[in-house]
């Protein structure tokens, strides 16, 4: 549900670039004295950017819907090819690619203006350090392991893997020895 909400929010934010700003209502002298709103329009991306954007949208949709990388690659190829066509599907693909390209360029502009990535990295580093300190001070993971007995099951599984590995190695050694005797 959160993925769908995030996808819809992304689409709504990107579609905001296609519409102009609503003009103010002229009910008061204050509204009339304001500067008239300008029509905000982003420049149209190049055809290559539209195809790449369509491929990105196709890849994200394929992975989101099917939870497979191969499906994402297939959808990316289909939408990228569709962006080169001039029929209804091509129009859809070009629109999706244009929107993705505009959203990407706007994200780059916002990152350049506000340094979002370094700030987010700093925030994540701080949260990770705080969580590590809490775990060291209060032993949260040790308490969880104590209640769920996870380490016991991990040790049991690793011993079974070692048993299977040694069994397979012994059988391979026996097969090699039998092959050497026949030669």
Protein backbone atom coordinates (compact mmCIF):
# COMPACT_ATOMS: atom_id res chain seq x y z
CA UNK A 1 0.00 0.00 0.00
CA UNK A 2 2.86 2.35 0.82
CA UNK A 3 4.47 1.64 -2.55
CA UNK A 4 1.27 2.53 -4.36
CA UNK A 5 0.91 5.71 -2.33
CA UNK A 6 4.51 6.66 -3.10
CA UNK A 7 4.00 5.92 -6.81
CA UNK A 8 0.84 8.03 -6.91
CA UNK A 9 2.55 10.88 -5.02
CA UNK A 10 5.43 10.76 -7.51
CA UNK A 11 3.02 10.87 -10.44
CA UNK A 12 1.07 13.75 -8.88
CA UNK A 13 4.23 15.72 -8.22
CA UNK A 14 5.46 15.16 -11.75
CA UNK A 15 2.11 16.04 -13.31
CA UNK A 16 2.15 19.35 -11.47
CA UNK A 17 4.63 20.60 -14.06
CA UNK A 18 2.05 20.30 -16.84
CA UNK A 19 -0.44 22.79 -15.40
CA UNK A 20 -0.17 26.51 -14.89
CA UNK A 21 -0.72 28.35 -11.64
CA UNK A 22 -4.29 29.36 -10.91
CA UNK A 23 -4.92 33.08 -11.19
CA UNK A 24 -5.91 34.87 -7.97
CA UNK A 25 -9.50 35.91 -7.52
CA UNK A 26 -9.99 39.64 -7.80
CA UNK A 27 -12.33 40.20 -4.86
CA UNK A 28 -10.22 42.73 -3.03
CA UNK A 29 -7.87 45.56 -3.90
CA UNK A 30 -5.04 43.56 -2.32
CA UNK A 31 -5.53 40.77 -4.82
CA UNK A 32 -5.60 43.24 -7.70
CA UNK A 33 -2.39 44.91 -6.54
CA UNK A 34 -0.43 41.66 -6.58
CA UNK A 35 1.78 40.75 -9.48
CA UNK A 36 0.05 38.53 -12.00
CA UNK A 37 1.15 34.90 -11.74
CA UNK A 38 3.52 33.65 -14.38
CA UNK A 39 2.88 30.48 -16.26
CA UNK A 40 5.45 27.93 -15.01
CA UNK A 41 6.45 25.50 -17.72
CA UNK A 42 9.47 23.26 -17.85
CA UNK A 43 11.18 22.94 -21.18
CA UNK A 44 10.42 19.77 -23.05
CA UNK A 45 13.10 17.08 -22.72
CA UNK A 46 14.98 15.75 -25.74
CA UNK A 47 13.76 12.65 -27.53
CA UNK A 48 16.61 10.62 -26.04
CA UNK A 49 15.64 11.78 -22.53
CA UNK A 50 12.01 10.80 -23.22
CA UNK A 51 13.05 7.28 -24.30
CA UNK A 52 15.30 6.88 -21.26
CA UNK A 53 12.51 8.17 -19.01
CA UNK A 54 10.04 5.73 -20.55
CA UNK A 55 12.51 2.89 -19.96
CA UNK A 56 12.92 3.98 -16.34
CA UNK A 57 9.15 4.07 -15.83
CA UNK A 58 8.80 0.66 -17.48
CA UNK A 59 11.52 -0.81 -15.31
CA UNK A 60 10.02 0.55 -12.11
CA UNK A 61 6.52 -0.60 -13.04
CA UNK A 62 7.74 -4.07 -14.01
CA UNK A 63 9.65 -4.52 -10.77
CA UNK A 64 6.79 -3.07 -8.71
CA UNK A 65 4.13 -5.28 -10.26
CA UNK A 66 6.02 -8.56 -10.69
CA UNK A 67 8.83 -8.32 -8.08
CA UNK A 68 11.31 -9.60 -10.69
CA UNK A 69 14.30 -7.91 -12.30
CA UNK A 70 13.64 -9.72 -15.58
CA UNK A 71 10.09 -8.35 -15.72
CA UNK A 72 11.44 -4.88 -15.04
CA UNK A 73 13.91 -5.21 -17.90
CA UNK A 74 11.18 -6.46 -20.22
CA UNK A 75 8.85 -3.59 -19.34
CA UNK A 76 11.72 -1.10 -19.72
CA UNK A 77 12.44 -2.39 -23.22
CA UNK A 78 8.75 -2.35 -24.18
CA UNK A 79 8.16 1.23 -23.01
CA UNK A 80 11.45 2.45 -24.50
CA UNK A 81 10.45 0.95 -27.84
CA UNK A 82 6.94 2.34 -27.44
CA UNK A 83 8.36 5.85 -27.04
CA UNK A 84 9.69 5.59 -30.59
CA UNK A 85 6.27 4.78 -32.08
CA UNK A 86 3.64 7.25 -33.28
CA UNK A 87 0.46 5.39 -32.29
CA UNK A 88 -1.60 5.49 -29.07
CA UNK A 89 0.83 3.31 -27.15
CA UNK A 90 3.66 5.52 -28.37
CA UNK A 91 1.85 8.58 -27.12
CA UNK A 92 1.40 6.95 -23.72
CA UNK A 93 5.06 5.90 -23.60
CA UNK A 94 6.26 9.37 -24.63
CA UNK A 95 4.05 10.99 -22.01
CA UNK A 96 5.35 8.67 -19.29
CA UNK A 97 8.94 9.21 -20.43
CA UNK A 98 8.54 12.98 -20.61
CA UNK A 99 7.06 13.08 -17.12
CA UNK A 100 9.86 10.90 -15.74
CA UNK A 101 12.50 13.01 -17.46
CA UNK A 102 11.00 16.23 -16.09
CA UNK A 103 10.75 14.76 -12.60
CA UNK A 104 14.37 13.62 -12.76
CA UNK A 105 15.62 17.02 -13.93
CA UNK A 106 13.57 18.74 -11.22
CA UNK A 107 15.00 16.37 -8.61
CA UNK A 108 18.51 17.25 -9.81
CA UNK A 109 17.69 20.97 -9.63
CA UNK A 110 16.33 20.60 -6.09
CA UNK A 111 19.40 18.62 -5.05
CA UNK A 112 21.66 21.30 -6.52
CA UNK A 113 19.71 24.04 -4.78
CA UNK A 114 19.21 22.46 -1.35
CA UNK A 115 21.92 19.74 -1.16
CA UNK A 116 19.35 17.06 -0.35
CA UNK A 117 21.56 13.98 -0.79
CA UNK A 118 24.35 15.05 1.61
CA UNK A 119 21.78 16.14 4.19
CA UNK A 120 19.89 12.85 3.88
CA UNK A 121 23.15 10.90 4.19
CA UNK A 122 24.07 12.86 7.32
CA UNK A 123 20.62 12.22 8.81
CA UNK A 124 20.82 8.48 8.04
CA UNK A 125 24.32 8.27 9.51
CA UNK A 126 23.09 9.96 12.68
CA UNK A 127 20.10 7.63 12.98
CA UNK A 128 22.28 4.57 12.37
CA UNK A 129 24.80 5.66 14.99
CA UNK A 130 22.04 6.38 17.51
CA UNK A 131 20.44 2.99 16.88
CA UNK A 132 23.82 1.27 17.30
CA UNK A 133 24.43 3.13 20.56
CA UNK A 134 20.98 2.18 21.86
CA UNK A 135 21.64 -1.44 20.97
CA UNK A 136 25.01 -1.41 22.73
CA UNK A 137 23.62 0.29 25.85
CA UNK A 138 20.46 -1.76 26.23
CA UNK A 139 21.29 -5.01 24.41
CA UNK A 140 18.14 -4.98 22.29
CA UNK A 141 19.32 -7.55 19.75
CA UNK A 142 20.63 -9.81 22.52
CA UNK A 143 17.22 -9.72 24.21
CA UNK A 144 15.47 -10.51 20.92
CA UNK A 145 17.89 -13.38 20.31
CA UNK A 146 17.31 -14.61 23.85
CA UNK A 147 13.53 -14.71 23.40
CA UNK A 148 13.42 -16.05 19.84
CA UNK A 149 16.52 -18.28 20.16
CA UNK A 150 17.61 -17.27 16.67
CA UNK A 151 21.30 -18.03 17.22
CA UNK A 152 20.45 -21.61 18.22
CA UNK A 153 18.58 -22.17 14.96
CA UNK A 154 21.32 -20.51 12.93
CA UNK A 155 23.93 -22.78 14.52
CA UNK A 156 21.71 -25.83 13.83
CA UNK A 157 21.23 -24.81 10.20
CA UNK A 158 24.96 -24.16 9.68
CA UNK A 159 25.82 -27.57 11.18
CA UNK A 160 23.35 -29.24 8.79
CA UNK A 161 24.88 -27.35 5.87
CA UNK A 162 28.33 -28.51 6.98
CA UNK A 163 27.07 -32.12 7.19
CA UNK A 164 25.62 -31.95 3.68
CA UNK A 165 28.77 -30.31 2.36
CA UNK A 166 31.00 -32.99 3.84
CA UNK A 167 28.68 -35.73 2.54
CA UNK A 168 28.77 -34.28 -0.99
CA UNK A 169 32.55 -33.85 -0.80
CA UNK A 170 32.96 -37.50 0.29
CA UNK A 171 30.78 -38.71 -2.60
CA UNK A 172 32.72 -36.61 -5.09
CA UNK A 173 35.99 -38.00 -3.73
CA UNK A 174 34.62 -41.56 -4.07
CA UNK A 175 33.57 -40.86 -7.68
CA UNK A 176 37.01 -39.45 -8.50
CA UNK A 177 38.71 -42.47 -6.94
CA UNK A 178 36.45 -44.86 -8.90
CA UNK A 179 37.17 -42.95 -12.13
CA UNK A 180 40.92 -43.11 -11.47
CA UNK A 181 40.76 -46.91 -10.91
CA UNK A 182 39.03 -47.46 -14.27
CA UNK A 183 41.57 -45.34 -16.13
